C-alpha atoms as a PDB file:
ATOM      1  CA  MET A   1      90.948   1.329   4.673  1.00  0.00           C
ATOM      2  CA  LEU A   2      87.721  -0.842   5.996  1.00  0.00           C
ATOM      3  CA  ASP A   3      85.711   2.226   5.475  1.00  0.00           C
ATOM      4  CA  ALA A   4      86.539   2.597   1.693  1.00  0.00           C
ATOM      5  CA  GLU A   5      85.992  -1.215   1.117  1.00  0.00           C
ATOM      6  CA  LYS A   6      82.500  -0.966   2.798  1.00  0.00           C
ATOM      7  CA  GLU A   7      81.721   2.073   0.505  1.00  0.00           C
ATOM      8  CA  ASN A   8      83.051  -0.026  -2.234  1.00  0.00           C
ATOM      9  CA  VAL A   9      80.561  -2.705  -1.311  1.00  0.00           C
ATOM     10  CA  THR A  10      77.508  -0.618  -0.712  1.00  0.00           C
ATOM     11  CA  GLY A  11      78.090   2.323  -2.887  1.00  0.00           C
ATOM     12  CA  ILE A  12      76.082   1.308  -5.880  1.00  0.00           C
ATOM     13  CA  THR A  13      72.984   3.362  -6.138  1.00  0.00           C
ATOM     14  CA  GLU A  14      71.956   2.505  -9.855  1.00  0.00           C
ATOM     15  CA  PHE A  15      72.193   0.081 -12.416  1.00  0.00           C
ATOM     16  CA  ILE A  16      72.837   0.513 -16.351  1.00  0.00           C
ATOM     17  CA  LEU A  17      70.271  -1.632 -18.586  1.00  0.00           C
ATOM     18  CA  LEU A  18      72.351  -2.642 -21.610  1.00  0.00           C
ATOM     19  CA  GLY A  19      69.007  -3.147 -23.462  1.00  0.00           C
ATOM     20  CA  LEU A  20      68.914  -5.067 -26.796  1.00  0.00           C
ATOM     21  CA  GLY A  21      72.095  -3.652 -28.200  1.00  0.00           C
ATOM     22  CA  ASN A  22      74.094  -0.711 -28.726  1.00  0.00           C
ATOM     23  CA  SER A  23      72.917   0.251 -32.449  1.00  0.00           C
ATOM     24  CA  THR A  24      71.878   3.873 -31.996  1.00  0.00           C
ATOM     25  CA  GLU A  25      70.415   3.700 -35.625  1.00  0.00           C
ATOM     26  CA  LEU A  26      68.126   1.009 -34.649  1.00  0.00           C
ATOM     27  CA  GLN A  27      66.700   2.907 -31.713  1.00  0.00           C
ATOM     28  CA  PRO A  28      64.111   4.986 -33.374  1.00  0.00           C
ATOM     29  CA  LEU A  29      62.697   1.879 -35.244  1.00  0.00           C
ATOM     30  CA  LEU A  30      62.532  -0.138 -32.021  1.00  0.00           C
ATOM     31  CA  PHE A  31      61.068   2.664 -30.037  1.00  0.00           C
ATOM     32  CA  SER A  32      58.399   3.078 -32.861  1.00  0.00           C
ATOM     33  CA  LEU A  33      57.738  -0.725 -32.577  1.00  0.00           C
ATOM     34  CA  PHE A  34      57.421  -1.158 -29.028  1.00  0.00           C
ATOM     35  CA  LEU A  35      55.265   1.961 -28.878  1.00  0.00           C
ATOM     36  CA  VAL A  36      52.772   0.422 -31.213  1.00  0.00           C
ATOM     37  CA  ILE A  37      53.006  -2.954 -29.518  1.00  0.00           C
ATOM     38  CA  TYR A  38      52.332  -1.398 -26.248  1.00  0.00           C
ATOM     39  CA  LEU A  39      49.300   0.850 -27.412  1.00  0.00           C
ATOM     40  CA  VAL A  40      47.731  -2.018 -28.969  1.00  0.00           C
ATOM     41  CA  THR A  41      48.462  -4.281 -26.090  1.00  0.00           C
ATOM     42  CA  ILE A  42      46.753  -1.855 -23.419  1.00  0.00           C
ATOM     43  CA  THR A  43      43.787  -0.958 -26.031  1.00  0.00           C
ATOM     44  CA  GLY A  44      43.106  -4.563 -26.826  1.00  0.00           C
ATOM     45  CA  ASN A  45      43.176  -6.069 -23.183  1.00  0.00           C
ATOM     46  CA  PHE A  46      41.157  -2.818 -22.121  1.00  0.00           C
ATOM     47  CA  LEU A  47      38.766  -3.649 -24.620  1.00  0.00           C
ATOM     48  CA  ILE A  48      38.282  -7.235 -23.658  1.00  0.00           C
ATOM     49  CA  LEU A  49      37.959  -6.182 -19.990  1.00  0.00           C
ATOM     50  CA  VAL A  50      35.231  -3.690 -20.865  1.00  0.00           C
ATOM     51  CA  LEU A  51      33.141  -6.221 -22.892  1.00  0.00           C
ATOM     52  CA  VAL A  52      33.446  -8.837 -20.062  1.00  0.00           C
ATOM     53  CA  VAL A  53      32.216  -6.173 -17.385  1.00  0.00           C
ATOM     54  CA  ALA A  54      29.402  -4.431 -19.854  1.00  0.00           C
ATOM     55  CA  ASP A  55      27.859  -7.535 -21.336  1.00  0.00           C
ATOM     56  CA  PRO A  56      25.687  -9.833 -19.159  1.00  0.00           C
ATOM     57  CA  HIS A  57      26.157 -12.697 -21.773  1.00  0.00           C
ATOM     58  CA  LEU A  58      29.816 -12.982 -20.922  1.00  0.00           C
ATOM     59  CA  HIS A  59      29.255 -13.074 -16.991  1.00  0.00           C
ATOM     60  CA  THR A  60      30.544 -16.547 -16.937  1.00  0.00           C
ATOM     61  CA  PRO A  61      33.586 -18.285 -15.146  1.00  0.00           C
ATOM     62  CA  MET A  62      35.292 -18.604 -18.329  1.00  0.00           C
ATOM     63  CA  TYR A  63      35.212 -14.781 -19.284  1.00  0.00           C
ATOM     64  CA  PHE A  64      35.574 -13.979 -15.649  1.00  0.00           C
ATOM     65  CA  PHE A  65      38.864 -15.254 -15.697  1.00  0.00           C
ATOM     66  CA  LEU A  66      39.517 -13.849 -19.334  1.00  0.00           C
ATOM     67  CA  GLY A  67      38.862 -10.423 -18.009  1.00  0.00           C
ATOM     68  CA  ASN A  68      41.139 -10.974 -15.162  1.00  0.00           C
ATOM     69  CA  LEU A  69      43.744 -12.254 -17.614  1.00  0.00           C
ATOM     70  CA  SER A  70      43.424  -8.871 -19.648  1.00  0.00           C
ATOM     71  CA  CYS A  71      43.600  -6.821 -16.586  1.00  0.00           C
ATOM     72  CA  LEU A  72      46.940  -8.848 -15.572  1.00  0.00           C
ATOM     73  CA  GLU A  73      48.577  -8.367 -18.930  1.00  0.00           C
ATOM     74  CA  MET A  74      47.923  -4.709 -18.857  1.00  0.00           C
ATOM     75  CA  CYS A  75      49.687  -4.433 -15.567  1.00  0.00           C
ATOM     76  CA  TYR A  76      52.327  -6.998 -16.763  1.00  0.00           C
ATOM     77  CA  THR A  77      53.510  -5.115 -19.935  1.00  0.00           C
ATOM     78  CA  SER A  78      53.146  -1.663 -17.873  1.00  0.00           C
ATOM     79  CA  CYS A  79      55.957  -2.676 -15.547  1.00  0.00           C
ATOM     80  CA  ILE A  80      58.519  -3.250 -18.353  1.00  0.00           C
ATOM     81  CA  LEU A  81      57.526  -1.289 -21.659  1.00  0.00           C
ATOM     82  CA  PRO A  82      57.206   2.338 -20.187  1.00  0.00           C
ATOM     83  CA  LYS A  83      60.978   2.188 -18.925  1.00  0.00           C
ATOM     84  CA  MET A  84      62.081   0.650 -22.071  1.00  0.00           C
ATOM     85  CA  LEU A  85      60.493   3.077 -24.292  1.00  0.00           C
ATOM     86  CA  THR A  86      62.098   5.968 -22.237  1.00  0.00           C
ATOM     87  CA  SER A  87      65.455   4.619 -22.411  1.00  0.00           C
ATOM     88  CA  LEU A  88      65.212   4.096 -26.369  1.00  0.00           C
ATOM     89  CA  LEU A  89      63.600   7.807 -26.589  1.00  0.00           C
ATOM     90  CA  THR A  90      66.001   9.664 -24.339  1.00  0.00           C
ATOM     91  CA  GLY A  91      69.082   7.268 -24.348  1.00  0.00           C
ATOM     92  CA  ASN A  92      69.186   7.298 -20.397  1.00  0.00           C
ATOM     93  CA  THR A  93      69.392   3.675 -19.537  1.00  0.00           C
ATOM     94  CA  THR A  94      70.030   3.996 -15.762  1.00  0.00           C
ATOM     95  CA  ILE A  95      67.787   2.813 -13.202  1.00  0.00           C
ATOM     96  CA  THR A  96      67.956   3.234  -9.528  1.00  0.00           C
ATOM     97  CA  VAL A  97      68.654   0.164  -7.226  1.00  0.00           C
ATOM     98  CA  SER A  98      65.167   0.439  -5.352  1.00  0.00           C
ATOM     99  CA  GLN A  99      63.640   1.144  -8.876  1.00  0.00           C
ATOM    100  CA  CYS A 100      65.123  -2.148 -10.190  1.00  0.00           C
ATOM    101  CA  LEU A 101      63.930  -4.022  -7.467  1.00  0.00           C
ATOM    102  CA  THR A 102      60.449  -2.779  -7.775  1.00  0.00           C
ATOM    103  CA  GLN A 103      60.270  -3.426 -11.281  1.00  0.00           C
ATOM    104  CA  TYR A 104      61.477  -6.885 -10.671  1.00  0.00           C
ATOM    105  CA  TYR A 105      58.750  -7.237  -7.763  1.00  0.00           C
ATOM    106  CA  PHE A 106      55.747  -6.396 -10.067  1.00  0.00           C
ATOM    107  CA  PHE A 107      57.262  -8.351 -13.068  1.00  0.00           C
ATOM    108  CA  GLY A 108      57.928 -11.518 -11.018  1.00  0.00           C
ATOM    109  CA  SER A 109      54.383 -11.075  -9.017  1.00  0.00           C
ATOM    110  CA  PHE A 110      52.354 -10.683 -12.417  1.00  0.00           C
ATOM    111  CA  ALA A 111      54.092 -13.660 -14.081  1.00  0.00           C
ATOM    112  CA  THR A 112      53.488 -15.868 -11.067  1.00  0.00           C
ATOM    113  CA  VAL A 113      49.875 -14.727 -11.014  1.00  0.00           C
ATOM    114  CA  GLU A 114      49.555 -15.563 -14.855  1.00  0.00           C
ATOM    115  CA  THR A 115      50.743 -19.328 -14.129  1.00  0.00           C
ATOM    116  CA  CYS A 116      48.226 -19.356 -11.649  1.00  0.00           C
ATOM    117  CA  LEU A 117      45.468 -17.998 -13.601  1.00  0.00           C
ATOM    118  CA  LEU A 118      46.216 -20.025 -16.752  1.00  0.00           C
ATOM    119  CA  ALA A 119      46.143 -23.302 -14.352  1.00  0.00           C
ATOM    120  CA  ALA A 120      42.550 -21.967 -13.259  1.00  0.00           C
ATOM    121  CA  MET A 121      41.635 -21.437 -16.635  1.00  0.00           C
ATOM    122  CA  SER A 122      42.585 -24.846 -17.907  1.00  0.00           C
ATOM    123  CA  TYR A 123      40.761 -26.391 -14.958  1.00  0.00           C
ATOM    124  CA  ASP A 124      37.666 -24.138 -16.073  1.00  0.00           C
ATOM    125  CA  ARG A 125      37.656 -25.895 -19.431  1.00  0.00           C
ATOM    126  CA  TYR A 126      38.426 -29.310 -18.004  1.00  0.00           C
ATOM    127  CA  LEU A 127      35.228 -29.182 -16.042  1.00  0.00           C
ATOM    128  CA  ALA A 128      33.213 -27.476 -18.925  1.00  0.00           C
ATOM    129  CA  ILE A 129      34.305 -30.478 -21.294  1.00  0.00           C
ATOM    130  CA  CYS A 130      34.966 -33.437 -19.163  1.00  0.00           C
ATOM    131  CA  ARG A 131      32.341 -32.854 -16.344  1.00  0.00           C
ATOM    132  CA  PRO A 132      29.862 -30.659 -18.114  1.00  0.00           C
ATOM    133  CA  PHE A 133      26.828 -31.854 -15.682  1.00  0.00           C
ATOM    134  CA  LEU A 134      28.734 -30.646 -12.517  1.00  0.00           C
ATOM    135  CA  TYR A 135      30.275 -27.489 -13.984  1.00  0.00           C
ATOM    136  CA  THR A 136      27.627 -25.132 -12.729  1.00  0.00           C
ATOM    137  CA  PHE A 137      27.710 -26.773  -9.366  1.00  0.00           C
ATOM    138  CA  ILE A 138      31.504 -26.853  -8.919  1.00  0.00           C
ATOM    139  CA  MET A 139      32.598 -23.674 -10.916  1.00  0.00           C
ATOM    140  CA  SER A 140      30.555 -21.340  -8.412  1.00  0.00           C
ATOM    141  CA  ARG A 141      30.986 -17.551  -8.227  1.00  0.00           C
ATOM    142  CA  LYS A 142      32.498 -18.054  -4.826  1.00  0.00           C
ATOM    143  CA  LEU A 143      35.149 -20.681  -6.138  1.00  0.00           C
ATOM    144  CA  CYS A 144      36.170 -18.175  -8.976  1.00  0.00           C
ATOM    145  CA  PHE A 145      36.919 -15.354  -6.726  1.00  0.00           C
ATOM    146  CA  GLN A 146      38.808 -17.934  -4.256  1.00  0.00           C
ATOM    147  CA  LEU A 147      41.074 -18.921  -7.416  1.00  0.00           C
ATOM    148  CA  ILE A 148      41.545 -15.160  -8.524  1.00  0.00           C
ATOM    149  CA  ALA A 149      42.337 -14.231  -4.970  1.00  0.00           C
ATOM    150  CA  GLY A 150      44.630 -16.982  -4.198  1.00  0.00           C
ATOM    151  CA  ALA A 151      46.585 -16.249  -7.632  1.00  0.00           C
ATOM    152  CA  TRP A 152      47.151 -12.547  -6.593  1.00  0.00           C
ATOM    153  CA  LEU A 153      48.088 -13.152  -3.059  1.00  0.00           C
ATOM    154  CA  ASN A 154      50.367 -15.934  -4.000  1.00  0.00           C
ATOM    155  CA  GLY A 155      52.196 -13.995  -6.657  1.00  0.00           C
ATOM    156  CA  LEU A 156      52.525 -10.783  -4.349  1.00  0.00           C
ATOM    157  CA  ILE A 157      53.861 -12.838  -1.257  1.00  0.00           C
ATOM    158  CA  ALA A 158      56.209 -15.061  -3.210  1.00  0.00           C
ATOM    159  CA  ASN A 159      57.876 -12.297  -4.944  1.00  0.00           C
ATOM    160  CA  GLY A 160      57.868 -10.225  -1.750  1.00  0.00           C
ATOM    161  CA  ILE A 161      59.961 -12.942  -0.176  1.00  0.00           C
ATOM    162  CA  THR A 162      62.306 -13.079  -3.352  1.00  0.00           C
ATOM    163  CA  VAL A 163      62.818  -9.252  -3.370  1.00  0.00           C
ATOM    164  CA  PHE A 164      63.569  -9.099   0.440  1.00  0.00           C
ATOM    165  CA  LEU A 165      66.207 -11.661  -0.028  1.00  0.00           C
ATOM    166  CA  LEU A 166      67.518  -9.670  -2.897  1.00  0.00           C
ATOM    167  CA  THR A 167      67.843  -6.646  -0.751  1.00  0.00           C
ATOM    168  CA  GLN A 168      70.148  -8.507   1.607  1.00  0.00           C
ATOM    169  CA  LEU A 169      72.901  -8.796  -1.048  1.00  0.00           C
ATOM    170  CA  SER A 170      75.613  -6.325  -1.695  1.00  0.00           C
ATOM    171  CA  PHE A 171      76.414  -4.953  -5.379  1.00  0.00           C
ATOM    172  CA  CYS A 172      79.847  -3.655  -5.593  1.00  0.00           C
ATOM    173  CA  GLY A 173      80.201  -3.446  -9.268  1.00  0.00           C
ATOM    174  CA  PRO A 174      80.092  -3.621 -12.268  1.00  0.00           C
ATOM    175  CA  ASN A 175      76.802  -2.318 -12.410  1.00  0.00           C
ATOM    176  CA  ALA A 176      75.797  -3.085 -16.129  1.00  0.00           C
ATOM    177  CA  ILE A 177      72.716  -5.318 -16.365  1.00  0.00           C
ATOM    178  CA  ASP A 178      72.952  -7.327 -19.497  1.00  0.00           C
ATOM    179  CA  HIS A 179      69.262  -7.180 -20.261  1.00  0.00           C
ATOM    180  CA  TYR A 180      66.369  -4.622 -21.015  1.00  0.00           C
ATOM    181  CA  PHE A 181      64.684  -5.025 -17.665  1.00  0.00           C
ATOM    182  CA  CYS A 182      65.562  -6.308 -14.043  1.00  0.00           C
ATOM    183  CA  ASP A 183      65.416  -9.838 -13.980  1.00  0.00           C
ATOM    184  CA  LEU A 184      66.521 -12.051 -11.412  1.00  0.00           C
ATOM    185  CA  THR A 185      69.469 -13.843 -13.169  1.00  0.00           C
ATOM    186  CA  PRO A 186      71.239 -10.777 -14.082  1.00  0.00           C
ATOM    187  CA  LEU A 187      70.873  -9.224 -10.843  1.00  0.00           C
ATOM    188  CA  GLU A 188      72.412 -12.192  -8.992  1.00  0.00           C
ATOM    189  CA  ARG A 189      75.527 -12.148 -11.686  1.00  0.00           C
ATOM    190  CA  LEU A 190      76.038  -8.621 -10.305  1.00  0.00           C
ATOM    191  CA  SER A 191      76.169  -9.572  -6.337  1.00  0.00           C
ATOM    192  CA  CYS A 192      79.289  -9.871  -4.636  1.00  0.00           C
ATOM    193  CA  THR A 193      77.839 -11.792  -1.861  1.00  0.00           C
ATOM    194  CA  ASP A 194      76.883 -15.580  -1.793  1.00  0.00           C
ATOM    195  CA  PRO A 195      73.165 -15.737  -3.141  1.00  0.00           C
ATOM    196  CA  GLY A 196      73.032 -19.361  -2.030  1.00  0.00           C
ATOM    197  CA  LEU A 197      69.928 -18.742   0.049  1.00  0.00           C
ATOM    198  CA  LEU A 198      68.364 -16.691  -2.437  1.00  0.00           C
ATOM    199  CA  GLU A 199      68.839 -19.325  -5.000  1.00  0.00           C
ATOM    200  CA  LEU A 200      67.356 -22.197  -2.784  1.00  0.00           C
ATOM    201  CA  ILE A 201      64.447 -20.073  -1.954  1.00  0.00           C
ATOM    202  CA  VAL A 202      63.707 -19.039  -5.621  1.00  0.00           C
ATOM    203  CA  PHE A 203      64.206 -22.776  -6.604  1.00  0.00           C
ATOM    204  CA  LEU A 204      61.519 -23.774  -4.193  1.00  0.00           C
ATOM    205  CA  LEU A 205      59.103 -20.990  -4.871  1.00  0.00           C
ATOM    206  CA  SER A 206      59.499 -21.684  -8.587  1.00  0.00           C
ATOM    207  CA  PHE A 207      58.655 -25.413  -8.288  1.00  0.00           C
ATOM    208  CA  ILE A 208      55.384 -24.437  -6.248  1.00  0.00           C
ATOM    209  CA  ASP A 209      54.629 -21.220  -8.495  1.00  0.00           C
ATOM    210  CA  ALA A 210      55.570 -22.437 -11.960  1.00  0.00           C
ATOM    211  CA  VAL A 211      56.169 -26.057 -12.030  1.00  0.00           C
ATOM    212  CA  ILE A 212      53.191 -27.203 -10.367  1.00  0.00           C
ATOM    213  CA  PRO A 213      50.673 -24.928 -12.303  1.00  0.00           C
ATOM    214  CA  PHE A 214      52.259 -26.127 -15.313  1.00  0.00           C
ATOM    215  CA  ILE A 215      51.826 -29.712 -14.454  1.00  0.00           C
ATOM    216  CA  LEU A 216      48.164 -29.094 -13.622  1.00  0.00           C
ATOM    217  CA  THR A 217      47.758 -26.989 -16.825  1.00  0.00           C
ATOM    218  CA  ILE A 218      49.045 -29.862 -18.928  1.00  0.00           C
ATOM    219  CA  THR A 219      47.363 -32.502 -17.150  1.00  0.00           C
ATOM    220  CA  SER A 220      43.820 -30.558 -17.637  1.00  0.00           C
ATOM    221  CA  TYR A 221      44.571 -30.418 -21.385  1.00  0.00           C
ATOM    222  CA  LEU A 222      45.428 -34.173 -21.398  1.00  0.00           C
ATOM    223  CA  TYR A 223      41.872 -35.154 -20.204  1.00  0.00           C
ATOM    224  CA  ILE A 224      40.432 -32.635 -22.540  1.00  0.00           C
ATOM    225  CA  ILE A 225      42.317 -34.052 -25.478  1.00  0.00           C
ATOM    226  CA  ILE A 226      41.095 -37.438 -24.536  1.00  0.00           C
ATOM    227  CA  ALA A 227      37.386 -36.389 -24.003  1.00  0.00           C
ATOM    228  CA  ILE A 228      37.518 -34.666 -27.486  1.00  0.00           C
ATOM    229  CA  VAL A 229      38.759 -37.703 -29.089  1.00  0.00           C
ATOM    230  CA  LYS A 230      36.060 -39.697 -27.593  1.00  0.00           C
ATOM    231  CA  ILE A 231      33.332 -37.564 -29.072  1.00  0.00           C
ATOM    232  CA  LYS A 232      31.753 -39.395 -32.027  1.00  0.00           C
ATOM    233  CA  SER A 233      30.130 -36.191 -33.765  1.00  0.00           C
ATOM    234  CA  SER A 234      32.788 -34.328 -35.766  1.00  0.00           C
ATOM    235  CA  ILE A 235      30.651 -31.274 -35.159  1.00  0.00           C
ATOM    236  CA  GLY A 236      30.803 -31.932 -31.329  1.00  0.00           C
ATOM    237  CA  ARG A 237      34.524 -32.422 -31.448  1.00  0.00           C
ATOM    238  CA  GLN A 238      34.991 -29.030 -33.567  1.00  0.00           C
ATOM    239  CA  LYS A 239      32.775 -27.324 -30.909  1.00  0.00           C
ATOM    240  CA  ALA A 240      34.546 -28.640 -27.767  1.00  0.00           C
ATOM    241  CA  PHE A 241      37.839 -27.657 -29.395  1.00  0.00           C
ATOM    242  CA  SER A 242      37.083 -24.481 -30.342  1.00  0.00           C
ATOM    243  CA  ASN A 243      36.171 -23.689 -26.649  1.00  0.00           C
ATOM    244  CA  CYS A 244      39.718 -24.329 -25.450  1.00  0.00           C
ATOM    245  CA  SER A 245      41.948 -23.783 -28.625  1.00  0.00           C
ATOM    246  CA  SER A 246      42.408 -20.056 -27.649  1.00  0.00           C
ATOM    247  CA  HIS A 247      43.721 -20.703 -24.419  1.00  0.00           C
ATOM    248  CA  LEU A 248      45.811 -23.564 -25.224  1.00  0.00           C
ATOM    249  CA  MET A 249      47.629 -21.403 -27.814  1.00  0.00           C
ATOM    250  CA  VAL A 250      48.156 -18.601 -25.122  1.00  0.00           C
ATOM    251  CA  VAL A 251      49.501 -21.340 -22.641  1.00  0.00           C
ATOM    252  CA  CYS A 252      51.906 -22.787 -25.342  1.00  0.00           C
ATOM    253  CA  LEU A 253      53.123 -19.381 -26.116  1.00  0.00           C
ATOM    254  CA  PHE A 254      53.749 -18.103 -22.630  1.00  0.00           C
ATOM    255  CA  TYR A 255      55.372 -21.565 -21.100  1.00  0.00           C
ATOM    256  CA  GLY A 256      57.175 -22.495 -24.330  1.00  0.00           C
ATOM    257  CA  THR A 257      59.219 -19.100 -24.290  1.00  0.00           C
ATOM    258  CA  ILE A 258      59.739 -19.369 -20.592  1.00  0.00           C
ATOM    259  CA  ILE A 259      61.065 -22.876 -20.535  1.00  0.00           C
ATOM    260  CA  ILE A 260      63.415 -21.882 -23.416  1.00  0.00           C
ATOM    261  CA  VAL A 261      64.658 -18.920 -21.686  1.00  0.00           C
ATOM    262  CA  TYR A 262      65.392 -20.576 -18.410  1.00  0.00           C
ATOM    263  CA  LEU A 263      66.721 -23.909 -19.646  1.00  0.00           C
ATOM    264  CA  LEU A 264      69.247 -22.053 -22.098  1.00  0.00           C
ATOM    265  CA  PRO A 265      72.815 -22.209 -20.568  1.00  0.00           C
ATOM    266  CA  ASP A 266      74.019 -18.991 -18.928  1.00  0.00           C
ATOM    267  CA  THR A 267      76.866 -18.249 -21.620  1.00  0.00           C
ATOM    268  CA  LEU A 268      77.982 -15.085 -23.241  1.00  0.00           C
ATOM    269  CA  THR A 269      76.969 -16.571 -26.852  1.00  0.00           C
ATOM    270  CA  LEU A 270      73.376 -17.295 -25.558  1.00  0.00           C
ATOM    271  CA  ARG A 271      72.476 -14.276 -23.639  1.00  0.00           C
ATOM    272  CA  TYR A 272      71.205 -12.290 -26.653  1.00  0.00           C
ATOM    273  CA  LEU A 273      68.943 -15.083 -27.889  1.00  0.00           C
ATOM    274  CA  ASN A 274      67.773 -15.205 -24.234  1.00  0.00           C
ATOM    275  CA  LYS A 275      66.925 -11.637 -24.458  1.00  0.00           C
ATOM    276  CA  VAL A 276      65.065 -12.148 -27.710  1.00  0.00           C
ATOM    277  CA  PHE A 277      63.122 -15.225 -26.399  1.00  0.00           C
ATOM    278  CA  SER A 278      62.397 -13.059 -23.334  1.00  0.00           C
ATOM    279  CA  ILE A 279      60.498 -10.422 -25.321  1.00  0.00           C
ATOM    280  CA  PHE A 280      57.820 -13.024 -26.322  1.00  0.00           C
ATOM    281  CA  TYR A 281      56.742 -13.877 -22.939  1.00  0.00           C
ATOM    282  CA  THR A 282      57.075 -10.187 -21.547  1.00  0.00           C
ATOM    283  CA  ILE A 283      55.835  -8.142 -24.533  1.00  0.00           C
ATOM    284  CA  LEU A 284      54.603 -10.315 -27.308  1.00  0.00           C
ATOM    285  CA  THR A 285      52.210 -12.647 -25.108  1.00  0.00           C
ATOM    286  CA  PRO A 286      50.192  -9.764 -23.668  1.00  0.00           C
ATOM    287  CA  LEU A 287      49.891  -8.441 -27.158  1.00  0.00           C
ATOM    288  CA  ALA A 288      48.724 -12.051 -28.598  1.00  0.00           C
ATOM    289  CA  ASN A 289      45.809 -12.434 -25.846  1.00  0.00           C
ATOM    290  CA  PRO A 290      43.540 -10.082 -26.999  1.00  0.00           C
ATOM    291  CA  VAL A 291      44.267 -10.747 -30.660  1.00  0.00           C
ATOM    292  CA  ILE A 292      44.072 -14.687 -30.273  1.00  0.00           C
ATOM    293  CA  TYR A 293      40.740 -14.486 -28.161  1.00  0.00           C
ATOM    294  CA  THR A 294      39.128 -11.709 -30.350  1.00  0.00           C
ATOM    295  CA  LEU A 295      39.900 -13.440 -33.687  1.00  0.00           C
ATOM    296  CA  ARG A 296      38.821 -16.987 -32.702  1.00  0.00           C
ATOM    297  CA  ASN A 297      36.028 -16.325 -30.025  1.00  0.00           C
ATOM    298  CA  LYS A 298      32.431 -16.010 -31.350  1.00  0.00           C
ATOM    299  CA  ASP A 299      31.063 -14.712 -28.142  1.00  0.00           C
ATOM    300  CA  VAL A 300      33.394 -12.065 -28.187  1.00  0.00           C
ATOM    301  CA  HIS A 301      32.456 -11.066 -31.647  1.00  0.00           C
ATOM    302  CA  LYS A 302      28.812 -11.190 -30.730  1.00  0.00           C
ATOM    303  CA  ALA A 303      29.467  -8.981 -27.581  1.00  0.00           C
ATOM    304  CA  LEU A 304      31.255  -6.423 -29.858  1.00  0.00           C
ATOM    305  CA  ARG A 305      28.315  -6.505 -32.113  1.00  0.00           C
ATOM    306  CA  ARG A 306      25.968  -5.831 -29.110  1.00  0.00           C
ATOM    307  CA  ILE A 307      28.154  -3.131 -27.790  1.00  0.00           C
ATOM    308  CA  ASP A 308      28.345  -1.459 -31.242  1.00  0.00           C
ATOM    309  CA  LYS A 309      24.662  -1.812 -31.593  1.00  0.00           C
ATOM    310  CA  LYS A 310      24.143   0.023 -28.408  1.00  0.00           C
ATOM    311  CA  LEU A 311      26.656   2.658 -29.114  1.00  0.00           C
ATOM    312  CA  ARG A 312      24.804   3.369 -32.544  1.00  0.00           C
ATOM    313  CA  ILE A 313      21.441   3.623 -30.899  1.00  0.00           C
ATOM    314  CA  PHE A 314      22.972   5.768 -28.181  1.00  0.00           C
ATOM    315  CA  GLY A 315      24.679   8.071 -30.737  1.00  0.00           C
ATOM    316  CA  ARG A 316      21.224   8.434 -32.773  1.00  0.00           C
ATOM    317  CA  SER A 317      19.360   9.389 -29.745  1.00  0.00           C
ATOM    318  CA  TYR A 318      21.926  11.869 -28.297  1.00  0.00           C
ATOM    319  CA  ILE A 319      21.840  13.484 -31.948  1.00  0.00           C
ATOM    320  CA  PHE A 320      18.055  13.485 -32.044  1.00  0.00           C
ATOM    321  CA  CYS A 321      17.847  15.156 -28.602  1.00  0.00           C
ATOM    322  CA  LEU A 322      20.270  17.925 -29.922  1.00  0.00           C
END
């Protein structure tokens, strides 16, 4: 009898991702839509990364952070969308426990890295606008690498602790996750052991890795807005605001949807709405980043024209050699 109960507690080897709904008629449409989003996201972010690496004019702290953000967004969307696309195409919505925990580990790590990276980018814009004479001295190459390394280490270690605590939980059924990816709250809901310690640690880590970076980001932009308002020249105000408006849009989109998702009450009526808003920060934010930065950034436009010119010259030279 005891052996049977023990087997029932530890016997779950896979979960079922319920996704966005049970309508089979919508699956081909959703597959096509998310496939296009994934391809555009990867292509757009990869293009920005190539521009930042290849163009010497973009070898500045601002674009160093932007290149890292683009690399991060490619990783971020790749830990969710491929599995989602496979499920929509084949109808197989199962995922093993180890794959589920791995997906959550990378998703949580990349999300944590993004909060730190957005805070570093806002600090960079604060120095550029509010302390321009000290900008070159403070925002050195060494500091840029330290901020990036700190963001990645913090994300990987913090979520390593969370996943380790998740592995200590027992899952005894049901095994259906009411989401389109393995997130922490749905996993906690399926646990048949007390997740009290996990919830405490997650609360502390969330304060360190989400609340503090958010406060630092908002504080930086408050000082930036005050500094812009004090600029007497309208041209100067417009130039200063254009330097940070793209990043501010990304911050609002990322944090705005996360706040809505995690502050919504966990009720059956709001769970579908929760999944819809989750799409914004897991899928649409990585898509929006290259669109926002390429449409509104003159330096990126100039870099694109320079790269295009070099490619044209190379193409003509290659044809001439033939």
